[in-house]
Structures are given as C-alpha cells and as structure tokens.
Amino acid sequence: WIRPAPPQTYLVEGQERTYPGSDEF
C-alpha cells in the first residue's frame, strides 16, 4: 500500500537536498 510520489527537494541547513516521495506512506 506504499505508493510512490514525486521526489521533494528541501533546503536543509542552507543546502538543497532531494528526498524520494511516498504520498501514502
């Protein structure tokens, strides 16, 4: 039931980092 979602990019401590998405995790 874990369905993939688009990745999300965050600004973490001033640096961009992309995490895989999981829209129904």
PDBML (XML) file of the C-alpha atoms, coordinates in Angstrom:
<?xml version="1.0" encoding="UTF-8" ?>
<PDBx:datablock datablockName="MODEL"
   xmlns:PDBx="http://pdbml.pdb.org/schema/pdbx-v50.xsd"
   xmlns:xsi="http://www.w3.org/2001/XMLSchema-instance"
   xsi:schemaLocation="http://pdbml.pdb.org/schema/pdbx-v50.xsd pdbx-v50.xsd">
   <PDBx:atom_siteCategory>
      <PDBx:atom_site id="1">
         <PDBx:B_iso_or_equiv>0.00</PDBx:B_iso_or_equiv>
         <PDBx:Cartn_x>0.000</PDBx:Cartn_x>
         <PDBx:Cartn_y>0.000</PDBx:Cartn_y>
         <PDBx:Cartn_z>0.000</PDBx:Cartn_z>
         <PDBx:auth_asym_id>A</PDBx:auth_asym_id>
         <PDBx:auth_atom_id>CA</PDBx:auth_atom_id>
         <PDBx:auth_comp_id>TRP</PDBx:auth_comp_id>
         <PDBx:auth_seq_id>1</PDBx:auth_seq_id>
         <PDBx:group_PDB>ATOM</PDBx:group_PDB>
         <PDBx:label_alt_id xsi:nil="true" />
         <PDBx:label_asym_id>A</PDBx:label_asym_id>
         <PDBx:label_atom_id>CA</PDBx:label_atom_id>
         <PDBx:label_comp_id>TRP</PDBx:label_comp_id>
         <PDBx:label_entity_id>1</PDBx:label_entity_id>
         <PDBx:label_seq_id>1</PDBx:label_seq_id>
         <PDBx:occupancy>1.00</PDBx:occupancy>
         <PDBx:pdbx_PDB_model_num>1</PDBx:pdbx_PDB_model_num>
         <PDBx:type_symbol>C</PDBx:type_symbol>
      </PDBx:atom_site>
      <PDBx:atom_site id="2">
         <PDBx:B_iso_or_equiv>0.00</PDBx:B_iso_or_equiv>
         <PDBx:Cartn_x>3.014</PDBx:Cartn_x>
         <PDBx:Cartn_y>2.333</PDBx:Cartn_y>
         <PDBx:Cartn_z>-0.078</PDBx:Cartn_z>
         <PDBx:auth_asym_id>A</PDBx:auth_asym_id>
         <PDBx:auth_atom_id>CA</PDBx:auth_atom_id>
         <PDBx:auth_comp_id>ILE</PDBx:auth_comp_id>
         <PDBx:auth_seq_id>2</PDBx:auth_seq_id>
         <PDBx:group_PDB>ATOM</PDBx:group_PDB>
         <PDBx:label_alt_id xsi:nil="true" />
         <PDBx:label_asym_id>A</PDBx:label_asym_id>
         <PDBx:label_atom_id>CA</PDBx:label_atom_id>
         <PDBx:label_comp_id>ILE</PDBx:label_comp_id>
         <PDBx:label_entity_id>1</PDBx:label_entity_id>
         <PDBx:label_seq_id>2</PDBx:label_seq_id>
         <PDBx:occupancy>1.00</PDBx:occupancy>
         <PDBx:pdbx_PDB_model_num>1</PDBx:pdbx_PDB_model_num>
         <PDBx:type_symbol>C</PDBx:type_symbol>
      </PDBx:atom_site>
      <PDBx:atom_site id="3">
         <PDBx:B_iso_or_equiv>0.00</PDBx:B_iso_or_equiv>
         <PDBx:Cartn_x>2.627</PDBx:Cartn_x>
         <PDBx:Cartn_y>4.260</PDBx:Cartn_y>
         <PDBx:Cartn_z>-3.312</PDBx:Cartn_z>
         <PDBx:auth_asym_id>A</PDBx:auth_asym_id>
         <PDBx:auth_atom_id>CA</PDBx:auth_atom_id>
         <PDBx:auth_comp_id>ARG</PDBx:auth_comp_id>
         <PDBx:auth_seq_id>3</PDBx:auth_seq_id>
         <PDBx:group_PDB>ATOM</PDBx:group_PDB>
         <PDBx:label_alt_id xsi:nil="true" />
         <PDBx:label_asym_id>A</PDBx:label_asym_id>
         <PDBx:label_atom_id>CA</PDBx:label_atom_id>
         <PDBx:label_comp_id>ARG</PDBx:label_comp_id>
         <PDBx:label_entity_id>1</PDBx:label_entity_id>
         <PDBx:label_seq_id>3</PDBx:label_seq_id>
         <PDBx:occupancy>1.00</PDBx:occupancy>
         <PDBx:pdbx_PDB_model_num>1</PDBx:pdbx_PDB_model_num>
         <PDBx:type_symbol>C</PDBx:type_symbol>
      </PDBx:atom_site>
      <PDBx:atom_site id="4">
         <PDBx:B_iso_or_equiv>0.00</PDBx:B_iso_or_equiv>
         <PDBx:Cartn_x>5.463</PDBx:Cartn_x>
         <PDBx:Cartn_y>6.250</PDBx:Cartn_y>
         <PDBx:Cartn_z>-4.900</PDBx:Cartn_z>
         <PDBx:auth_asym_id>A</PDBx:auth_asym_id>
         <PDBx:auth_atom_id>CA</PDBx:auth_atom_id>
         <PDBx:auth_comp_id>PRO</PDBx:auth_comp_id>
         <PDBx:auth_seq_id>4</PDBx:auth_seq_id>
         <PDBx:group_PDB>ATOM</PDBx:group_PDB>
         <PDBx:label_alt_id xsi:nil="true" />
         <PDBx:label_asym_id>A</PDBx:label_asym_id>
         <PDBx:label_atom_id>CA</PDBx:label_atom_id>
         <PDBx:label_comp_id>PRO</PDBx:label_comp_id>
         <PDBx:label_entity_id>1</PDBx:label_entity_id>
         <PDBx:label_seq_id>4</PDBx:label_seq_id>
         <PDBx:occupancy>1.00</PDBx:occupancy>
         <PDBx:pdbx_PDB_model_num>1</PDBx:pdbx_PDB_model_num>
         <PDBx:type_symbol>C</PDBx:type_symbol>
      </PDBx:atom_site>
      <PDBx:atom_site id="5">
         <PDBx:B_iso_or_equiv>0.00</PDBx:B_iso_or_equiv>
         <PDBx:Cartn_x>5.134</PDBx:Cartn_x>
         <PDBx:Cartn_y>10.007</PDBx:Cartn_y>
         <PDBx:Cartn_z>-5.283</PDBx:Cartn_z>
         <PDBx:auth_asym_id>A</PDBx:auth_asym_id>
         <PDBx:auth_atom_id>CA</PDBx:auth_atom_id>
         <PDBx:auth_comp_id>ALA</PDBx:auth_comp_id>
         <PDBx:auth_seq_id>5</PDBx:auth_seq_id>
         <PDBx:group_PDB>ATOM</PDBx:group_PDB>
         <PDBx:label_alt_id xsi:nil="true" />
         <PDBx:label_asym_id>A</PDBx:label_asym_id>
         <PDBx:label_atom_id>CA</PDBx:label_atom_id>
         <PDBx:label_comp_id>ALA</PDBx:label_comp_id>
         <PDBx:label_entity_id>1</PDBx:label_entity_id>
         <PDBx:label_seq_id>5</PDBx:label_seq_id>
         <PDBx:occupancy>1.00</PDBx:occupancy>
         <PDBx:pdbx_PDB_model_num>1</PDBx:pdbx_PDB_model_num>
         <PDBx:type_symbol>C</PDBx:type_symbol>
      </PDBx:atom_site>
      <PDBx:atom_site id="6">
         <PDBx:B_iso_or_equiv>0.00</PDBx:B_iso_or_equiv>
         <PDBx:Cartn_x>7.267</PDBx:Cartn_x>
         <PDBx:Cartn_y>12.668</PDBx:Cartn_y>
         <PDBx:Cartn_z>-6.950</PDBx:Cartn_z>
         <PDBx:auth_asym_id>A</PDBx:auth_asym_id>
         <PDBx:auth_atom_id>CA</PDBx:auth_atom_id>
         <PDBx:auth_comp_id>PRO</PDBx:auth_comp_id>
         <PDBx:auth_seq_id>6</PDBx:auth_seq_id>
         <PDBx:group_PDB>ATOM</PDBx:group_PDB>
         <PDBx:label_alt_id xsi:nil="true" />
         <PDBx:label_asym_id>A</PDBx:label_asym_id>
         <PDBx:label_atom_id>CA</PDBx:label_atom_id>
         <PDBx:label_comp_id>PRO</PDBx:label_comp_id>
         <PDBx:label_entity_id>1</PDBx:label_entity_id>
         <PDBx:label_seq_id>6</PDBx:label_seq_id>
         <PDBx:occupancy>1.00</PDBx:occupancy>
         <PDBx:pdbx_PDB_model_num>1</PDBx:pdbx_PDB_model_num>
         <PDBx:type_symbol>C</PDBx:type_symbol>
      </PDBx:atom_site>
      <PDBx:atom_site id="7">
         <PDBx:B_iso_or_equiv>0.00</PDBx:B_iso_or_equiv>
         <PDBx:Cartn_x>10.523</PDBx:Cartn_x>
         <PDBx:Cartn_y>13.467</PDBx:Cartn_y>
         <PDBx:Cartn_z>-5.118</PDBx:Cartn_z>
         <PDBx:auth_asym_id>A</PDBx:auth_asym_id>
         <PDBx:auth_atom_id>CA</PDBx:auth_atom_id>
         <PDBx:auth_comp_id>PRO</PDBx:auth_comp_id>
         <PDBx:auth_seq_id>7</PDBx:auth_seq_id>
         <PDBx:group_PDB>ATOM</PDBx:group_PDB>
         <PDBx:label_alt_id xsi:nil="true" />
         <PDBx:label_asym_id>A</PDBx:label_asym_id>
         <PDBx:label_atom_id>CA</PDBx:label_atom_id>
         <PDBx:label_comp_id>PRO</PDBx:label_comp_id>
         <PDBx:label_entity_id>1</PDBx:label_entity_id>
         <PDBx:label_seq_id>7</PDBx:label_seq_id>
         <PDBx:occupancy>1.00</PDBx:occupancy>
         <PDBx:pdbx_PDB_model_num>1</PDBx:pdbx_PDB_model_num>
         <PDBx:type_symbol>C</PDBx:type_symbol>
      </PDBx:atom_site>
      <PDBx:atom_site id="8">
         <PDBx:B_iso_or_equiv>0.00</PDBx:B_iso_or_equiv>
         <PDBx:Cartn_x>10.662</PDBx:Cartn_x>
         <PDBx:Cartn_y>16.540</PDBx:Cartn_y>
         <PDBx:Cartn_z>-2.919</PDBx:Cartn_z>
         <PDBx:auth_asym_id>A</PDBx:auth_asym_id>
         <PDBx:auth_atom_id>CA</PDBx:auth_atom_id>
         <PDBx:auth_comp_id>GLN</PDBx:auth_comp_id>
         <PDBx:auth_seq_id>8</PDBx:auth_seq_id>
         <PDBx:group_PDB>ATOM</PDBx:group_PDB>
         <PDBx:label_alt_id xsi:nil="true" />
         <PDBx:label_asym_id>A</PDBx:label_asym_id>
         <PDBx:label_atom_id>CA</PDBx:label_atom_id>
         <PDBx:label_comp_id>GLN</PDBx:label_comp_id>
         <PDBx:label_entity_id>1</PDBx:label_entity_id>
         <PDBx:label_seq_id>8</PDBx:label_seq_id>
         <PDBx:occupancy>1.00</PDBx:occupancy>
         <PDBx:pdbx_PDB_model_num>1</PDBx:pdbx_PDB_model_num>
         <PDBx:type_symbol>C</PDBx:type_symbol>
      </PDBx:atom_site>
      <PDBx:atom_site id="9">
         <PDBx:B_iso_or_equiv>0.00</PDBx:B_iso_or_equiv>
         <PDBx:Cartn_x>13.525</PDBx:Cartn_x>
         <PDBx:Cartn_y>18.997</PDBx:Cartn_y>
         <PDBx:Cartn_z>-2.675</PDBx:Cartn_z>
         <PDBx:auth_asym_id>A</PDBx:auth_asym_id>
         <PDBx:auth_atom_id>CA</PDBx:auth_atom_id>
         <PDBx:auth_comp_id>THR</PDBx:auth_comp_id>
         <PDBx:auth_seq_id>9</PDBx:auth_seq_id>
         <PDBx:group_PDB>ATOM</PDBx:group_PDB>
         <PDBx:label_alt_id xsi:nil="true" />
         <PDBx:label_asym_id>A</PDBx:label_asym_id>
         <PDBx:label_atom_id>CA</PDBx:label_atom_id>
         <PDBx:label_comp_id>THR</PDBx:label_comp_id>
         <PDBx:label_entity_id>1</PDBx:label_entity_id>
         <PDBx:label_seq_id>9</PDBx:label_seq_id>
         <PDBx:occupancy>1.00</PDBx:occupancy>
         <PDBx:pdbx_PDB_model_num>1</PDBx:pdbx_PDB_model_num>
         <PDBx:type_symbol>C</PDBx:type_symbol>
      </PDBx:atom_site>
      <PDBx:atom_site id="10">
         <PDBx:B_iso_or_equiv>0.00</PDBx:B_iso_or_equiv>
         <PDBx:Cartn_x>14.102</PDBx:Cartn_x>
         <PDBx:Cartn_y>20.758</PDBx:Cartn_y>
         <PDBx:Cartn_z>0.641</PDBx:Cartn_z>
         <PDBx:auth_asym_id>A</PDBx:auth_asym_id>
         <PDBx:auth_atom_id>CA</PDBx:auth_atom_id>
         <PDBx:auth_comp_id>TYR</PDBx:auth_comp_id>
         <PDBx:auth_seq_id>10</PDBx:auth_seq_id>
         <PDBx:group_PDB>ATOM</PDBx:group_PDB>
         <PDBx:label_alt_id xsi:nil="true" />
         <PDBx:label_asym_id>A</PDBx:label_asym_id>
         <PDBx:label_atom_id>CA</PDBx:label_atom_id>
         <PDBx:label_comp_id>TYR</PDBx:label_comp_id>
         <PDBx:label_entity_id>1</PDBx:label_entity_id>
         <PDBx:label_seq_id>10</PDBx:label_seq_id>
         <PDBx:occupancy>1.00</PDBx:occupancy>
         <PDBx:pdbx_PDB_model_num>1</PDBx:pdbx_PDB_model_num>
         <PDBx:type_symbol>C</PDBx:type_symbol>
      </PDBx:atom_site>
      <PDBx:atom_site id="11">
         <PDBx:B_iso_or_equiv>0.00</PDBx:B_iso_or_equiv>
         <PDBx:Cartn_x>16.508</PDBx:Cartn_x>
         <PDBx:Cartn_y>23.453</PDBx:Cartn_y>
         <PDBx:Cartn_z>1.726</PDBx:Cartn_z>
         <PDBx:auth_asym_id>A</PDBx:auth_asym_id>
         <PDBx:auth_atom_id>CA</PDBx:auth_atom_id>
         <PDBx:auth_comp_id>LEU</PDBx:auth_comp_id>
         <PDBx:auth_seq_id>11</PDBx:auth_seq_id>
         <PDBx:group_PDB>ATOM</PDBx:group_PDB>
         <PDBx:label_alt_id xsi:nil="true" />
         <PDBx:label_asym_id>A</PDBx:label_asym_id>
         <PDBx:label_atom_id>CA</PDBx:label_atom_id>
         <PDBx:label_comp_id>LEU</PDBx:label_comp_id>
         <PDBx:label_entity_id>1</PDBx:label_entity_id>
         <PDBx:label_seq_id>11</PDBx:label_seq_id>
         <PDBx:occupancy>1.00</PDBx:occupancy>
         <PDBx:pdbx_PDB_model_num>1</PDBx:pdbx_PDB_model_num>
         <PDBx:type_symbol>C</PDBx:type_symbol>
      </PDBx:atom_site>
      <PDBx:atom_site id="12">
         <PDBx:B_iso_or_equiv>0.00</PDBx:B_iso_or_equiv>
         <PDBx:Cartn_x>18.207</PDBx:Cartn_x>
         <PDBx:Cartn_y>21.708</PDBx:Cartn_y>
         <PDBx:Cartn_z>4.648</PDBx:Cartn_z>
         <PDBx:auth_asym_id>A</PDBx:auth_asym_id>
         <PDBx:auth_atom_id>CA</PDBx:auth_atom_id>
         <PDBx:auth_comp_id>VAL</PDBx:auth_comp_id>
         <PDBx:auth_seq_id>12</PDBx:auth_seq_id>
         <PDBx:group_PDB>ATOM</PDBx:group_PDB>
         <PDBx:label_alt_id xsi:nil="true" />
         <PDBx:label_asym_id>A</PDBx:label_asym_id>
         <PDBx:label_atom_id>CA</PDBx:label_atom_id>
         <PDBx:label_comp_id>VAL</PDBx:label_comp_id>
         <PDBx:label_entity_id>1</PDBx:label_entity_id>
         <PDBx:label_seq_id>12</PDBx:label_seq_id>
         <PDBx:occupancy>1.00</PDBx:occupancy>
         <PDBx:pdbx_PDB_model_num>1</PDBx:pdbx_PDB_model_num>
         <PDBx:type_symbol>C</PDBx:type_symbol>
      </PDBx:atom_site>
      <PDBx:atom_site id="13">
         <PDBx:B_iso_or_equiv>0.00</PDBx:B_iso_or_equiv>
         <PDBx:Cartn_x>20.640</PDBx:Cartn_x>
         <PDBx:Cartn_y>23.828</PDBx:Cartn_y>
         <PDBx:Cartn_z>6.649</PDBx:Cartn_z>
         <PDBx:auth_asym_id>A</PDBx:auth_asym_id>
         <PDBx:auth_atom_id>CA</PDBx:auth_atom_id>
         <PDBx:auth_comp_id>GLU</PDBx:auth_comp_id>
         <PDBx:auth_seq_id>13</PDBx:auth_seq_id>
         <PDBx:group_PDB>ATOM</PDBx:group_PDB>
         <PDBx:label_alt_id xsi:nil="true" />
         <PDBx:label_asym_id>A</PDBx:label_asym_id>
         <PDBx:label_atom_id>CA</PDBx:label_atom_id>
         <PDBx:label_comp_id>GLU</PDBx:label_comp_id>
         <PDBx:label_entity_id>1</PDBx:label_entity_id>
         <PDBx:label_seq_id>13</PDBx:label_seq_id>
         <PDBx:occupancy>1.00</PDBx:occupancy>
         <PDBx:pdbx_PDB_model_num>1</PDBx:pdbx_PDB_model_num>
         <PDBx:type_symbol>C</PDBx:type_symbol>
      </PDBx:atom_site>
      <PDBx:atom_site id="14">
         <PDBx:B_iso_or_equiv>0.00</PDBx:B_iso_or_equiv>
         <PDBx:Cartn_x>21.035</PDBx:Cartn_x>
         <PDBx:Cartn_y>26.073</PDBx:Cartn_y>
         <PDBx:Cartn_z>3.619</PDBx:Cartn_z>
         <PDBx:auth_asym_id>A</PDBx:auth_asym_id>
         <PDBx:auth_atom_id>CA</PDBx:auth_atom_id>
         <PDBx:auth_comp_id>GLY</PDBx:auth_comp_id>
         <PDBx:auth_seq_id>14</PDBx:auth_seq_id>
         <PDBx:group_PDB>ATOM</PDBx:group_PDB>
         <PDBx:label_alt_id xsi:nil="true" />
         <PDBx:label_asym_id>A</PDBx:label_asym_id>
         <PDBx:label_atom_id>CA</PDBx:label_atom_id>
         <PDBx:label_comp_id>GLY</PDBx:label_comp_id>
         <PDBx:label_entity_id>1</PDBx:label_entity_id>
         <PDBx:label_seq_id>14</PDBx:label_seq_id>
         <PDBx:occupancy>1.00</PDBx:occupancy>
         <PDBx:pdbx_PDB_model_num>1</PDBx:pdbx_PDB_model_num>
         <PDBx:type_symbol>C</PDBx:type_symbol>
      </PDBx:atom_site>
      <PDBx:atom_site id="15">
         <PDBx:B_iso_or_equiv>0.00</PDBx:B_iso_or_equiv>
         <PDBx:Cartn_x>21.709</PDBx:Cartn_x>
         <PDBx:Cartn_y>23.250</PDBx:Cartn_y>
         <PDBx:Cartn_z>1.124</PDBx:Cartn_z>
         <PDBx:auth_asym_id>A</PDBx:auth_asym_id>
         <PDBx:auth_atom_id>CA</PDBx:auth_atom_id>
         <PDBx:auth_comp_id>GLN</PDBx:auth_comp_id>
         <PDBx:auth_seq_id>15</PDBx:auth_seq_id>
         <PDBx:group_PDB>ATOM</PDBx:group_PDB>
         <PDBx:label_alt_id xsi:nil="true" />
         <PDBx:label_asym_id>A</PDBx:label_asym_id>
         <PDBx:label_atom_id>CA</PDBx:label_atom_id>
         <PDBx:label_comp_id>GLN</PDBx:label_comp_id>
         <PDBx:label_entity_id>1</PDBx:label_entity_id>
         <PDBx:label_seq_id>15</PDBx:label_seq_id>
         <PDBx:occupancy>1.00</PDBx:occupancy>
         <PDBx:pdbx_PDB_model_num>1</PDBx:pdbx_PDB_model_num>
         <PDBx:type_symbol>C</PDBx:type_symbol>
      </PDBx:atom_site>
      <PDBx:atom_site id="16">
         <PDBx:B_iso_or_equiv>0.00</PDBx:B_iso_or_equiv>
         <PDBx:Cartn_x>19.277</PDBx:Cartn_x>
         <PDBx:Cartn_y>21.738</PDBx:Cartn_y>
         <PDBx:Cartn_z>-1.342</PDBx:Cartn_z>
         <PDBx:auth_asym_id>A</PDBx:auth_asym_id>
         <PDBx:auth_atom_id>CA</PDBx:auth_atom_id>
         <PDBx:auth_comp_id>GLU</PDBx:auth_comp_id>
         <PDBx:auth_seq_id>16</PDBx:auth_seq_id>
         <PDBx:group_PDB>ATOM</PDBx:group_PDB>
         <PDBx:label_alt_id xsi:nil="true" />
         <PDBx:label_asym_id>A</PDBx:label_asym_id>
         <PDBx:label_atom_id>CA</PDBx:label_atom_id>
         <PDBx:label_comp_id>GLU</PDBx:label_comp_id>
         <PDBx:label_entity_id>1</PDBx:label_entity_id>
         <PDBx:label_seq_id>16</PDBx:label_seq_id>
         <PDBx:occupancy>1.00</PDBx:occupancy>
         <PDBx:pdbx_PDB_model_num>1</PDBx:pdbx_PDB_model_num>
         <PDBx:type_symbol>C</PDBx:type_symbol>
      </PDBx:atom_site>
      <PDBx:atom_site id="17">
         <PDBx:B_iso_or_equiv>0.00</PDBx:B_iso_or_equiv>
         <PDBx:Cartn_x>18.557</PDBx:Cartn_x>
         <PDBx:Cartn_y>18.053</PDBx:Cartn_y>
         <PDBx:Cartn_z>-0.816</PDBx:Cartn_z>
         <PDBx:auth_asym_id>A</PDBx:auth_asym_id>
         <PDBx:auth_atom_id>CA</PDBx:auth_atom_id>
         <PDBx:auth_comp_id>ARG</PDBx:auth_comp_id>
         <PDBx:auth_seq_id>17</PDBx:auth_seq_id>
         <PDBx:group_PDB>ATOM</PDBx:group_PDB>
         <PDBx:label_alt_id xsi:nil="true" />
         <PDBx:label_asym_id>A</PDBx:label_asym_id>
         <PDBx:label_atom_id>CA</PDBx:label_atom_id>
         <PDBx:label_comp_id>ARG</PDBx:label_comp_id>
         <PDBx:label_entity_id>1</PDBx:label_entity_id>
         <PDBx:label_seq_id>17</PDBx:label_seq_id>
         <PDBx:occupancy>1.00</PDBx:occupancy>
         <PDBx:pdbx_PDB_model_num>1</PDBx:pdbx_PDB_model_num>
         <PDBx:type_symbol>C</PDBx:type_symbol>
      </PDBx:atom_site>
      <PDBx:atom_site id="18">
         <PDBx:B_iso_or_equiv>0.00</PDBx:B_iso_or_equiv>
         <PDBx:Cartn_x>16.077</PDBx:Cartn_x>
         <PDBx:Cartn_y>15.866</PDBx:Cartn_y>
         <PDBx:Cartn_z>-2.667</PDBx:Cartn_z>
         <PDBx:auth_asym_id>A</PDBx:auth_asym_id>
         <PDBx:auth_atom_id>CA</PDBx:auth_atom_id>
         <PDBx:auth_comp_id>THR</PDBx:auth_comp_id>
         <PDBx:auth_seq_id>18</PDBx:auth_seq_id>
         <PDBx:group_PDB>ATOM</PDBx:group_PDB>
         <PDBx:label_alt_id xsi:nil="true" />
         <PDBx:label_asym_id>A</PDBx:label_asym_id>
         <PDBx:label_atom_id>CA</PDBx:label_atom_id>
         <PDBx:label_comp_id>THR</PDBx:label_comp_id>
         <PDBx:label_entity_id>1</PDBx:label_entity_id>
         <PDBx:label_seq_id>18</PDBx:label_seq_id>
         <PDBx:occupancy>1.00</PDBx:occupancy>
         <PDBx:pdbx_PDB_model_num>1</PDBx:pdbx_PDB_model_num>
         <PDBx:type_symbol>C</PDBx:type_symbol>
      </PDBx:atom_site>
      <PDBx:atom_site id="19">
         <PDBx:B_iso_or_equiv>0.00</PDBx:B_iso_or_equiv>
         <PDBx:Cartn_x>14.210</PDBx:Cartn_x>
         <PDBx:Cartn_y>13.049</PDBx:Cartn_y>
         <PDBx:Cartn_z>-0.931</PDBx:Cartn_z>
         <PDBx:auth_asym_id>A</PDBx:auth_asym_id>
         <PDBx:auth_atom_id>CA</PDBx:auth_atom_id>
         <PDBx:auth_comp_id>TYR</PDBx:auth_comp_id>
         <PDBx:auth_seq_id>19</PDBx:auth_seq_id>
         <PDBx:group_PDB>ATOM</PDBx:group_PDB>
         <PDBx:label_alt_id xsi:nil="true" />
         <PDBx:label_asym_id>A</PDBx:label_asym_id>
         <PDBx:label_atom_id>CA</PDBx:label_atom_id>
         <PDBx:label_comp_id>TYR</PDBx:label_comp_id>
         <PDBx:label_entity_id>1</PDBx:label_entity_id>
         <PDBx:label_seq_id>19</PDBx:label_seq_id>
         <PDBx:occupancy>1.00</PDBx:occupancy>
         <PDBx:pdbx_PDB_model_num>1</PDBx:pdbx_PDB_model_num>
         <PDBx:type_symbol>C</PDBx:type_symbol>
      </PDBx:atom_site>
      <PDBx:atom_site id="20">
         <PDBx:B_iso_or_equiv>0.00</PDBx:B_iso_or_equiv>
         <PDBx:Cartn_x>12.128</PDBx:Cartn_x>
         <PDBx:Cartn_y>10.351</PDBx:Cartn_y>
         <PDBx:Cartn_z>-2.623</PDBx:Cartn_z>
         <PDBx:auth_asym_id>A</PDBx:auth_asym_id>
         <PDBx:auth_atom_id>CA</PDBx:auth_atom_id>
         <PDBx:auth_comp_id>PRO</PDBx:auth_comp_id>
         <PDBx:auth_seq_id>20</PDBx:auth_seq_id>
         <PDBx:group_PDB>ATOM</PDBx:group_PDB>
         <PDBx:label_alt_id xsi:nil="true" />
         <PDBx:label_asym_id>A</PDBx:label_asym_id>
         <PDBx:label_atom_id>CA</PDBx:label_atom_id>
         <PDBx:label_comp_id>PRO</PDBx:label_comp_id>
         <PDBx:label_entity_id>1</PDBx:label_entity_id>
         <PDBx:label_seq_id>20</PDBx:label_seq_id>
         <PDBx:occupancy>1.00</PDBx:occupancy>
         <PDBx:pdbx_PDB_model_num>1</PDBx:pdbx_PDB_model_num>
         <PDBx:type_symbol>C</PDBx:type_symbol>
      </PDBx:atom_site>
      <PDBx:atom_site id="21">
         <PDBx:B_iso_or_equiv>0.00</PDBx:B_iso_or_equiv>
         <PDBx:Cartn_x>8.389</PDBx:Cartn_x>
         <PDBx:Cartn_y>10.895</PDBx:Cartn_y>
         <PDBx:Cartn_z>-2.243</PDBx:Cartn_z>
         <PDBx:auth_asym_id>A</PDBx:auth_asym_id>
         <PDBx:auth_atom_id>CA</PDBx:auth_atom_id>
         <PDBx:auth_comp_id>GLY</PDBx:auth_comp_id>
         <PDBx:auth_seq_id>21</PDBx:auth_seq_id>
         <PDBx:group_PDB>ATOM</PDBx:group_PDB>
         <PDBx:label_alt_id xsi:nil="true" />
         <PDBx:label_asym_id>A</PDBx:label_asym_id>
         <PDBx:label_atom_id>CA</PDBx:label_atom_id>
         <PDBx:label_comp_id>GLY</PDBx:label_comp_id>
         <PDBx:label_entity_id>1</PDBx:label_entity_id>
         <PDBx:label_seq_id>21</PDBx:label_seq_id>
         <PDBx:occupancy>1.00</PDBx:occupancy>
         <PDBx:pdbx_PDB_model_num>1</PDBx:pdbx_PDB_model_num>
         <PDBx:type_symbol>C</PDBx:type_symbol>
      </PDBx:atom_site>
      <PDBx:atom_site id="22">
         <PDBx:B_iso_or_equiv>0.00</PDBx:B_iso_or_equiv>
         <PDBx:Cartn_x>5.859</PDBx:Cartn_x>
         <PDBx:Cartn_y>8.457</PDBx:Cartn_y>
         <PDBx:Cartn_z>-0.789</PDBx:Cartn_z>
         <PDBx:auth_asym_id>A</PDBx:auth_asym_id>
         <PDBx:auth_atom_id>CA</PDBx:auth_atom_id>
         <PDBx:auth_comp_id>SER</PDBx:auth_comp_id>
         <PDBx:auth_seq_id>22</PDBx:auth_seq_id>
         <PDBx:group_PDB>ATOM</PDBx:group_PDB>
         <PDBx:label_alt_id xsi:nil="true" />
         <PDBx:label_asym_id>A</PDBx:label_asym_id>
         <PDBx:label_atom_id>CA</PDBx:label_atom_id>
         <PDBx:label_comp_id>SER</PDBx:label_comp_id>
         <PDBx:label_entity_id>1</PDBx:label_entity_id>
         <PDBx:label_seq_id>22</PDBx:label_seq_id>
         <PDBx:occupancy>1.00</PDBx:occupancy>
         <PDBx:pdbx_PDB_model_num>1</PDBx:pdbx_PDB_model_num>
         <PDBx:type_symbol>C</PDBx:type_symbol>
      </PDBx:atom_site>
      <PDBx:atom_site id="23">
         <PDBx:B_iso_or_equiv>0.00</PDBx:B_iso_or_equiv>
         <PDBx:Cartn_x>2.468</PDBx:Cartn_x>
         <PDBx:Cartn_y>10.083</PDBx:Cartn_y>
         <PDBx:Cartn_z>-0.942</PDBx:Cartn_z>
         <PDBx:auth_asym_id>A</PDBx:auth_asym_id>
         <PDBx:auth_atom_id>CA</PDBx:auth_atom_id>
         <PDBx:auth_comp_id>ASP</PDBx:auth_comp_id>
         <PDBx:auth_seq_id>23</PDBx:auth_seq_id>
         <PDBx:group_PDB>ATOM</PDBx:group_PDB>
         <PDBx:label_alt_id xsi:nil="true" />
         <PDBx:label_asym_id>A</PDBx:label_asym_id>
         <PDBx:label_atom_id>CA</PDBx:label_atom_id>
         <PDBx:label_comp_id>ASP</PDBx:label_comp_id>
         <PDBx:label_entity_id>1</PDBx:label_entity_id>
         <PDBx:label_seq_id>23</PDBx:label_seq_id>
         <PDBx:occupancy>1.00</PDBx:occupancy>
         <PDBx:pdbx_PDB_model_num>1</PDBx:pdbx_PDB_model_num>
         <PDBx:type_symbol>C</PDBx:type_symbol>
      </PDBx:atom_site>
      <PDBx:atom_site id="24">
         <PDBx:B_iso_or_equiv>0.00</PDBx:B_iso_or_equiv>
         <PDBx:Cartn_x>0.618</PDBx:Cartn_x>
         <PDBx:Cartn_y>7.454</PDBx:Cartn_y>
         <PDBx:Cartn_z>1.076</PDBx:Cartn_z>
         <PDBx:auth_asym_id>A</PDBx:auth_asym_id>
         <PDBx:auth_atom_id>CA</PDBx:auth_atom_id>
         <PDBx:auth_comp_id>GLU</PDBx:auth_comp_id>
         <PDBx:auth_seq_id>24</PDBx:auth_seq_id>
         <PDBx:group_PDB>ATOM</PDBx:group_PDB>
         <PDBx:label_alt_id xsi:nil="true" />
         <PDBx:label_asym_id>A</PDBx:label_asym_id>
         <PDBx:label_atom_id>CA</PDBx:label_atom_id>
         <PDBx:label_comp_id>GLU</PDBx:label_comp_id>
         <PDBx:label_entity_id>1</PDBx:label_entity_id>
         <PDBx:label_seq_id>24</PDBx:label_seq_id>
         <PDBx:occupancy>1.00</PDBx:occupancy>
         <PDBx:pdbx_PDB_model_num>1</PDBx:pdbx_PDB_model_num>
         <PDBx:type_symbol>C</PDBx:type_symbol>
      </PDBx:atom_site>
      <PDBx:atom_site id="25">
         <PDBx:B_iso_or_equiv>0.00</PDBx:B_iso_or_equiv>
         <PDBx:Cartn_x>3.428</PDBx:Cartn_x>
         <PDBx:Cartn_y>6.278</PDBx:Cartn_y>
         <PDBx:Cartn_z>3.316</PDBx:Cartn_z>
         <PDBx:auth_asym_id>A</PDBx:auth_asym_id>
         <PDBx:auth_atom_id>CA</PDBx:auth_atom_id>
         <PDBx:auth_comp_id>PHE</PDBx:auth_comp_id>
         <PDBx:auth_seq_id>25</PDBx:auth_seq_id>
         <PDBx:group_PDB>ATOM</PDBx:group_PDB>
         <PDBx:label_alt_id xsi:nil="true" />
         <PDBx:label_asym_id>A</PDBx:label_asym_id>
         <PDBx:label_atom_id>CA</PDBx:label_atom_id>
         <PDBx:label_comp_id>PHE</PDBx:label_comp_id>
         <PDBx:label_entity_id>1</PDBx:label_entity_id>
         <PDBx:label_seq_id>25</PDBx:label_seq_id>
         <PDBx:occupancy>1.00</PDBx:occupancy>
         <PDBx:pdbx_PDB_model_num>1</PDBx:pdbx_PDB_model_num>
         <PDBx:type_symbol>C</PDBx:type_symbol>
      </PDBx:atom_site>
   </PDBx:atom_siteCategory>
</PDBx:datablock>
